[in-house]
Amino acid sequence: MSKRGKGGYWFGSPWIISVIVSIIPGVNWVAGIIHRLVKGNILGVVVYIFLGWFLGFVDFVTILISNKIVLLA
């Protein structure tokens, strides 16, 4: 079996756990903010606070495709 990548999207978690976290809207929003804070992207945090509903969907799609964040990481 091949792996989708080393580590995972949400704080090094496995791919399936990352997909589950991305599906749940409230958890996705909080994890997205924390993820951007850990990366040091303050602009990403501010934008995610206001547009998290849309960026959560974008995060979900990018995790399914490439197992990494693409927008405002």
PDB file of N, CA and C in Angstrom:
ATOM      1  N   MET A   1       0.839  -1.181   0.000  1.00  0.00           N
ATOM      2  CA  MET A   1       0.000   0.000   0.000  1.00  0.00           C
ATOM      3  C   MET A   1       0.883   1.243   0.000  1.00  0.00           C
ATOM      4  N   SER A   2       0.490   2.206  -0.783  1.00  0.00           N
ATOM      5  CA  SER A   2       1.261   3.436  -0.825  1.00  0.00           C
ATOM      6  C   SER A   2       0.671   4.439   0.152  1.00  0.00           C
ATOM      7  N   LYS A   3       1.519   5.311   0.631  1.00  0.00           N
ATOM      8  CA  LYS A   3       1.079   6.345   1.552  1.00  0.00           C
ATOM      9  C   LYS A   3       0.872   7.638   0.771  1.00  0.00           C
ATOM     10  N   ARG A   4       0.012   8.494   1.271  1.00  0.00           N
ATOM     11  CA  ARG A   4      -0.291   9.747   0.598  1.00  0.00           C
ATOM     12  C   ARG A   4       0.756  10.810   0.876  1.00  0.00           C
ATOM     13  N   GLY A   5       1.597  10.624   1.791  1.00  0.00           N
ATOM     14  CA  GLY A   5       2.619  11.623   2.097  1.00  0.00           C
ATOM     15  C   GLY A   5       3.120  11.428   3.507  1.00  0.00           C
ATOM     16  N   LYS A   6       4.244  12.040   3.798  1.00  0.00           N
ATOM     17  CA  LYS A   6       4.792  11.931   5.140  1.00  0.00           C
ATOM     18  C   LYS A   6       4.069  12.890   6.068  1.00  0.00           C
ATOM     19  N   GLY A   7       3.723  12.430   7.243  1.00  0.00           N
ATOM     20  CA  GLY A   7       2.998  13.256   8.181  1.00  0.00           C
ATOM     21  C   GLY A   7       1.549  13.398   7.778  1.00  0.00           C
ATOM     22  N   GLY A   8       0.959  14.462   8.197  1.00  0.00           N
ATOM     23  CA  GLY A   8      -0.425  14.705   7.851  1.00  0.00           C
ATOM     24  C   GLY A   8      -0.714  16.179   7.859  1.00  0.00           C
ATOM     25  N   TYR A   9      -1.901  16.508   7.500  1.00  0.00           N
ATOM     26  CA  TYR A   9      -2.276  17.897   7.398  1.00  0.00           C
ATOM     27  C   TYR A   9      -2.480  18.524   8.762  1.00  0.00           C
ATOM     28  N   TRP A  10      -3.325  17.947   9.578  1.00  0.00           N
ATOM     29  CA  TRP A  10      -3.597  18.518  10.888  1.00  0.00           C
ATOM     30  C   TRP A  10      -2.589  18.024  11.907  1.00  0.00           C
ATOM     31  N   PHE A  11      -1.519  18.754  12.084  1.00  0.00           N
ATOM     32  CA  PHE A  11      -0.533  18.529  13.139  1.00  0.00           C
ATOM     33  C   PHE A  11       0.084  17.136  13.101  1.00  0.00           C
ATOM     34  N   GLY A  12       0.385  16.634  11.910  1.00  0.00           N
ATOM     35  CA  GLY A  12       1.051  15.357  11.757  1.00  0.00           C
ATOM     36  C   GLY A  12       0.158  14.145  11.895  1.00  0.00           C
ATOM     37  N   SER A  13      -1.141  14.340  11.841  1.00  0.00           N
ATOM     38  CA  SER A  13      -2.062  13.212  11.979  1.00  0.00           C
ATOM     39  C   SER A  13      -2.138  12.420  10.679  1.00  0.00           C
ATOM     40  N   PRO A  14      -2.577  11.176  10.743  1.00  0.00           N
ATOM     41  CA  PRO A  14      -2.737  10.375   9.523  1.00  0.00           C
ATOM     42  C   PRO A  14      -3.763  10.994   8.578  1.00  0.00           C
ATOM     43  N   TRP A  15      -3.711  10.600   7.332  1.00  0.00           N
ATOM     44  CA  TRP A  15      -4.561  11.172   6.286  1.00  0.00           C
ATOM     45  C   TRP A  15      -6.039  11.028   6.608  1.00  0.00           C
ATOM     46  N   ILE A  16      -6.472   9.869   7.065  1.00  0.00           N
ATOM     47  CA  ILE A  16      -7.897   9.647   7.322  1.00  0.00           C
ATOM     48  C   ILE A  16      -8.390  10.514   8.472  1.00  0.00           C
ATOM     49  N   ILE A  17      -7.577  10.714   9.483  1.00  0.00           N
ATOM     50  CA  ILE A  17      -7.944  11.599  10.599  1.00  0.00           C
ATOM     51  C   ILE A  17      -8.045  13.037  10.105  1.00  0.00           C
ATOM     52  N   SER A  18      -7.137  13.434   9.226  1.00  0.00           N
ATOM     53  CA  SER A  18      -7.176  14.778   8.665  1.00  0.00           C
ATOM     54  C   SER A  18      -8.443  15.003   7.855  1.00  0.00           C
ATOM     55  N   VAL A  19      -8.879  14.002   7.118  1.00  0.00           N
ATOM     56  CA  VAL A  19     -10.120  14.119   6.342  1.00  0.00           C
ATOM     57  C   VAL A  19     -11.315  14.255   7.275  1.00  0.00           C
ATOM     58  N   ILE A  20     -11.344  13.472   8.343  1.00  0.00           N
ATOM     59  CA  ILE A  20     -12.448  13.539   9.300  1.00  0.00           C
ATOM     60  C   ILE A  20     -12.495  14.905   9.969  1.00  0.00           C
ATOM     61  N   VAL A  21     -11.350  15.431  10.374  1.00  0.00           N
ATOM     62  CA  VAL A  21     -11.302  16.759  10.992  1.00  0.00           C
ATOM     63  C   VAL A  21     -11.756  17.821   9.994  1.00  0.00           C
ATOM     64  N   SER A  22     -11.413  17.663   8.736  1.00  0.00           N
ATOM     65  CA  SER A  22     -11.796  18.638   7.717  1.00  0.00           C
ATOM     66  C   SER A  22     -13.286  18.626   7.415  1.00  0.00           C
ATOM     67  N   ILE A  23     -13.954  17.515   7.653  1.00  0.00           N
ATOM     68  CA  ILE A  23     -15.379  17.416   7.357  1.00  0.00           C
ATOM     69  C   ILE A  23     -16.219  18.143   8.415  1.00  0.00           C
ATOM     70  N   ILE A  24     -15.803  18.121   9.659  1.00  0.00           N
ATOM     71  CA  ILE A  24     -16.575  18.720  10.753  1.00  0.00           C
ATOM     72  C   ILE A  24     -16.333  20.235  10.756  1.00  0.00           C
ATOM     73  N   PRO A  25     -17.356  21.045  10.462  1.00  0.00           N
ATOM     74  CA  PRO A  25     -17.150  22.485  10.259  1.00  0.00           C
ATOM     75  C   PRO A  25     -16.544  23.237  11.445  1.00  0.00           C
ATOM     76  N   GLY A  26     -17.048  23.077  12.633  1.00  0.00           N
ATOM     77  CA  GLY A  26     -16.513  23.809  13.780  1.00  0.00           C
ATOM     78  C   GLY A  26     -15.084  23.423  14.110  1.00  0.00           C
ATOM     79  N   VAL A  27     -14.828  22.153  14.076  1.00  0.00           N
ATOM     80  CA  VAL A  27     -13.477  21.653  14.361  1.00  0.00           C
ATOM     81  C   VAL A  27     -12.518  22.098  13.259  1.00  0.00           C
ATOM     82  N   ASN A  28     -12.977  22.073  12.026  1.00  0.00           N
ATOM     83  CA  ASN A  28     -12.155  22.513  10.904  1.00  0.00           C
ATOM     84  C   ASN A  28     -11.774  23.980  11.048  1.00  0.00           C
ATOM     85  N   TRP A  29     -12.715  24.800  11.466  1.00  0.00           N
ATOM     86  CA  TRP A  29     -12.465  26.230  11.611  1.00  0.00           C
ATOM     87  C   TRP A  29     -11.420  26.485  12.706  1.00  0.00           C
ATOM     88  N   VAL A  30     -11.580  25.846  13.863  1.00  0.00           N
ATOM     89  CA  VAL A  30     -10.638  26.020  14.971  1.00  0.00           C
ATOM     90  C   VAL A  30      -9.260  25.462  14.597  1.00  0.00           C
ATOM     91  N   ALA A  31      -9.230  24.272  14.002  1.00  0.00           N
ATOM     92  CA  ALA A  31      -7.955  23.669  13.622  1.00  0.00           C
ATOM     93  C   ALA A  31      -7.258  24.494  12.539  1.00  0.00           C
ATOM     94  N   GLY A  32      -8.026  25.098  11.642  1.00  0.00           N
ATOM     95  CA  GLY A  32      -7.443  25.949  10.611  1.00  0.00           C
ATOM     96  C   GLY A  32      -6.778  27.179  11.197  1.00  0.00           C
ATOM     97  N   ILE A  33      -7.421  27.782  12.189  1.00  0.00           N
ATOM     98  CA  ILE A  33      -6.845  28.953  12.853  1.00  0.00           C
ATOM     99  C   ILE A  33      -5.579  28.560  13.607  1.00  0.00           C
ATOM    100  N   ILE A  34      -5.641  27.473  14.356  1.00  0.00           N
ATOM    101  CA  ILE A  34      -4.465  27.021  15.118  1.00  0.00           C
ATOM    102  C   ILE A  34      -3.335  26.634  14.175  1.00  0.00           C
ATOM    103  N   HIS A  35      -3.658  25.968  13.089  1.00  0.00           N
ATOM    104  CA  HIS A  35      -2.641  25.552  12.118  1.00  0.00           C
ATOM    105  C   HIS A  35      -1.897  26.765  11.559  1.00  0.00           C
ATOM    106  N   ARG A  36      -2.638  27.828  11.231  1.00  0.00           N
ATOM    107  CA  ARG A  36      -2.015  29.024  10.682  1.00  0.00           C
ATOM    108  C   ARG A  36      -1.230  29.779  11.742  1.00  0.00           C
ATOM    109  N   LEU A  37      -1.680  29.750  12.997  1.00  0.00           N
ATOM    110  CA  LEU A  37      -0.918  30.370  14.080  1.00  0.00           C
ATOM    111  C   LEU A  37       0.417  29.667  14.292  1.00  0.00           C
ATOM    112  N   VAL A  38       0.386  28.337  14.267  1.00  0.00           N
ATOM    113  CA  VAL A  38       1.615  27.566  14.445  1.00  0.00           C
ATOM    114  C   VAL A  38       2.598  27.855  13.319  1.00  0.00           C
ATOM    115  N   LYS A  39       2.084  28.022  12.099  1.00  0.00           N
ATOM    116  CA  LYS A  39       2.938  28.332  10.951  1.00  0.00           C
ATOM    117  C   LYS A  39       3.422  29.780  10.968  1.00  0.00           C
ATOM    118  N   GLY A  40       2.822  30.626  11.822  1.00  0.00           N
ATOM    119  CA  GLY A  40       3.228  32.016  11.926  1.00  0.00           C
ATOM    120  C   GLY A  40       2.601  32.921  10.879  1.00  0.00           C
ATOM    121  N   ASN A  41       1.499  32.502  10.285  1.00  0.00           N
ATOM    122  CA  ASN A  41       0.837  33.277   9.249  1.00  0.00           C
ATOM    123  C   ASN A  41      -0.326  34.056   9.865  1.00  0.00           C
ATOM    124  N   ILE A  42      -0.035  35.261  10.337  1.00  0.00           N
ATOM    125  CA  ILE A  42      -1.038  36.079  11.007  1.00  0.00           C
ATOM    126  C   ILE A  42      -2.113  36.547  10.026  1.00  0.00           C
ATOM    127  N   LEU A  43      -1.714  36.919   8.812  1.00  0.00           N
ATOM    128  CA  LEU A  43      -2.694  37.319   7.802  1.00  0.00           C
ATOM    129  C   LEU A  43      -3.645  36.167   7.502  1.00  0.00           C
ATOM    130  N   GLY A  44      -3.117  34.962   7.410  1.00  0.00           N
ATOM    131  CA  GLY A  44      -3.949  33.789   7.187  1.00  0.00           C
ATOM    132  C   GLY A  44      -4.939  33.570   8.318  1.00  0.00           C
ATOM    133  N   VAL A  45      -4.527  33.843   9.549  1.00  0.00           N
ATOM    134  CA  VAL A  45      -5.426  33.693  10.696  1.00  0.00           C
ATOM    135  C   VAL A  45      -6.574  34.690  10.611  1.00  0.00           C
ATOM    136  N   VAL A  46      -6.253  35.946  10.310  1.00  0.00           N
ATOM    137  CA  VAL A  46      -7.288  36.978  10.235  1.00  0.00           C
ATOM    138  C   VAL A  46      -8.278  36.662   9.113  1.00  0.00           C
ATOM    139  N   VAL A  47      -7.773  36.285   7.956  1.00  0.00           N
ATOM    140  CA  VAL A  47      -8.648  35.949   6.833  1.00  0.00           C
ATOM    141  C   VAL A  47      -9.475  34.712   7.165  1.00  0.00           C
ATOM    142  N   TYR A  48      -8.872  33.726   7.824  1.00  0.00           N
ATOM    143  CA  TYR A  48      -9.583  32.491   8.165  1.00  0.00           C
ATOM    144  C   TYR A  48     -10.684  32.741   9.188  1.00  0.00           C
ATOM    145  N   ILE A  49     -10.496  33.714  10.078  1.00  0.00           N
ATOM    146  CA  ILE A  49     -11.536  34.030  11.057  1.00  0.00           C
ATOM    147  C   ILE A  49     -12.796  34.516  10.343  1.00  0.00           C
ATOM    148  N   PHE A  50     -12.622  35.344   9.318  1.00  0.00           N
ATOM    149  CA  PHE A  50     -13.780  35.916   8.632  1.00  0.00           C
ATOM    150  C   PHE A  50     -14.298  35.053   7.484  1.00  0.00           C
ATOM    151  N   LEU A  51     -13.420  34.319   6.807  1.00  0.00           N
ATOM    152  CA  LEU A  51     -13.818  33.512   5.655  1.00  0.00           C
ATOM    153  C   LEU A  51     -13.594  32.023   5.891  1.00  0.00           C
ATOM    154  N   GLY A  52     -13.592  31.606   7.140  1.00  0.00           N
ATOM    155  CA  GLY A  52     -13.331  30.211   7.475  1.00  0.00           C
ATOM    156  C   GLY A  52     -14.322  29.241   6.877  1.00  0.00           C
ATOM    157  N   TRP A  53     -15.564  29.674   6.706  1.00  0.00           N
ATOM    158  CA  TRP A  53     -16.591  28.806   6.120  1.00  0.00           C
ATOM    159  C   TRP A  53     -16.223  28.414   4.701  1.00  0.00           C
ATOM    160  N   PHE A  54     -15.632  29.334   3.942  1.00  0.00           N
ATOM    161  CA  PHE A  54     -15.225  29.035   2.569  1.00  0.00           C
ATOM    162  C   PHE A  54     -13.867  28.336   2.534  1.00  0.00           C
ATOM    163  N   LEU A  55     -12.931  28.832   3.321  1.00  0.00           N
ATOM    164  CA  LEU A  55     -11.588  28.252   3.332  1.00  0.00           C
ATOM    165  C   LEU A  55     -11.589  26.844   3.917  1.00  0.00           C
ATOM    166  N   GLY A  56     -12.543  26.538   4.780  1.00  0.00           N
ATOM    167  CA  GLY A  56     -12.677  25.173   5.294  1.00  0.00           C
ATOM    168  C   GLY A  56     -12.966  24.199   4.171  1.00  0.00           C
ATOM    169  N   PHE A  57     -13.819  24.605   3.249  1.00  0.00           N
ATOM    170  CA  PHE A  57     -14.104  23.768   2.079  1.00  0.00           C
ATOM    171  C   PHE A  57     -12.863  23.633   1.193  1.00  0.00           C
ATOM    172  N   VAL A  58     -12.138  24.726   1.008  1.00  0.00           N
ATOM    173  CA  VAL A  58     -10.908  24.691   0.209  1.00  0.00           C
ATOM    174  C   VAL A  58      -9.876  23.777   0.871  1.00  0.00           C
ATOM    175  N   ASP A  59      -9.743  23.865   2.196  1.00  0.00           N
ATOM    176  CA  ASP A  59      -8.832  22.971   2.920  1.00  0.00           C
ATOM    177  C   ASP A  59      -9.215  21.513   2.725  1.00  0.00           C
ATOM    178  N   PHE A  60     -10.512  21.223   2.786  1.00  0.00           N
ATOM    179  CA  PHE A  60     -10.988  19.852   2.613  1.00  0.00           C
ATOM    180  C   PHE A  60     -10.635  19.323   1.226  1.00  0.00           C
ATOM    181  N   VAL A  61     -10.852  20.121   0.212  1.00  0.00           N
ATOM    182  CA  VAL A  61     -10.538  19.699  -1.154  1.00  0.00           C
ATOM    183  C   VAL A  61      -9.035  19.502  -1.331  1.00  0.00           C
ATOM    184  N   THR A  62      -8.219  20.425  -0.805  1.00  0.00           N
ATOM    185  CA  THR A  62      -6.770  20.280  -0.969  1.00  0.00           C
ATOM    186  C   THR A  62      -6.216  19.101  -0.178  1.00  0.00           C
ATOM    187  N   ILE A  63      -6.832  18.769   0.948  1.00  0.00           N
ATOM    188  CA  ILE A  63      -6.348  17.606   1.697  1.00  0.00           C
ATOM    189  C   ILE A  63      -6.694  16.317   0.963  1.00  0.00           C
ATOM    190  N   LEU A  64      -7.824  16.291   0.274  1.00  0.00           N
ATOM    191  CA  LEU A  64      -8.167  15.112  -0.512  1.00  0.00           C
ATOM    192  C   LEU A  64      -7.236  14.956  -1.715  1.00  0.00           C
ATOM    193  N   ILE A  65      -6.847  16.062  -2.312  1.00  0.00           N
ATOM    194  CA  ILE A  65      -6.035  16.014  -3.529  1.00  0.00           C
ATOM    195  C   ILE A  65      -4.552  15.817  -3.220  1.00  0.00           C
ATOM    196  N   SER A  66      -4.009  16.638  -2.318  1.00  0.00           N
ATOM    197  CA  SER A  66      -2.553  16.618  -2.153  1.00  0.00           C
ATOM    198  C   SER A  66      -2.064  16.453  -0.723  1.00  0.00           C
ATOM    199  N   ASN A  67      -2.975  16.324   0.255  1.00  0.00           N
ATOM    200  CA  ASN A  67      -2.626  16.155   1.668  1.00  0.00           C
ATOM    201  C   ASN A  67      -1.773  17.294   2.218  1.00  0.00           C
ATOM    202  N   LYS A  68      -1.981  18.500   1.696  1.00  0.00           N
ATOM    203  CA  LYS A  68      -1.308  19.668   2.265  1.00  0.00           C
ATOM    204  C   LYS A  68      -2.154  20.903   2.020  1.00  0.00           C
ATOM    205  N   ILE A  69      -1.926  21.897   2.830  1.00  0.00           N
ATOM    206  CA  ILE A  69      -2.662  23.139   2.685  1.00  0.00           C
ATOM    207  C   ILE A  69      -2.030  23.942   1.562  1.00  0.00           C
ATOM    208  N   VAL A  70      -2.860  24.611   0.793  1.00  0.00           N
ATOM    209  CA  VAL A  70      -2.355  25.361  -0.351  1.00  0.00           C
ATOM    210  C   VAL A  70      -2.642  26.847  -0.190  1.00  0.00           C
ATOM    211  N   LEU A  71      -3.811  27.204   0.268  1.00  0.00           N
ATOM    212  CA  LEU A  71      -4.247  28.591   0.324  1.00  0.00           C
ATOM    213  C   LEU A  71      -3.981  29.191   1.695  1.00  0.00           C
ATOM    214  N   LEU A  72      -3.226  30.276   1.735  1.00  0.00           N
ATOM    215  CA  LEU A  72      -2.912  31.007   2.961  1.00  0.00           C
ATOM    216  C   LEU A  72      -2.293  30.126   4.049  1.00  0.00           C
ATOM    217  N   ALA A  73      -1.398  29.273   3.666  1.00  0.00           N
ATOM    218  CA  ALA A  73      -0.753  28.406   4.649  1.00  0.00           C
ATOM    219  C   ALA A  73       0.127  29.232   5.483  1.00  0.00           C
TER     220      ALA A  73
END
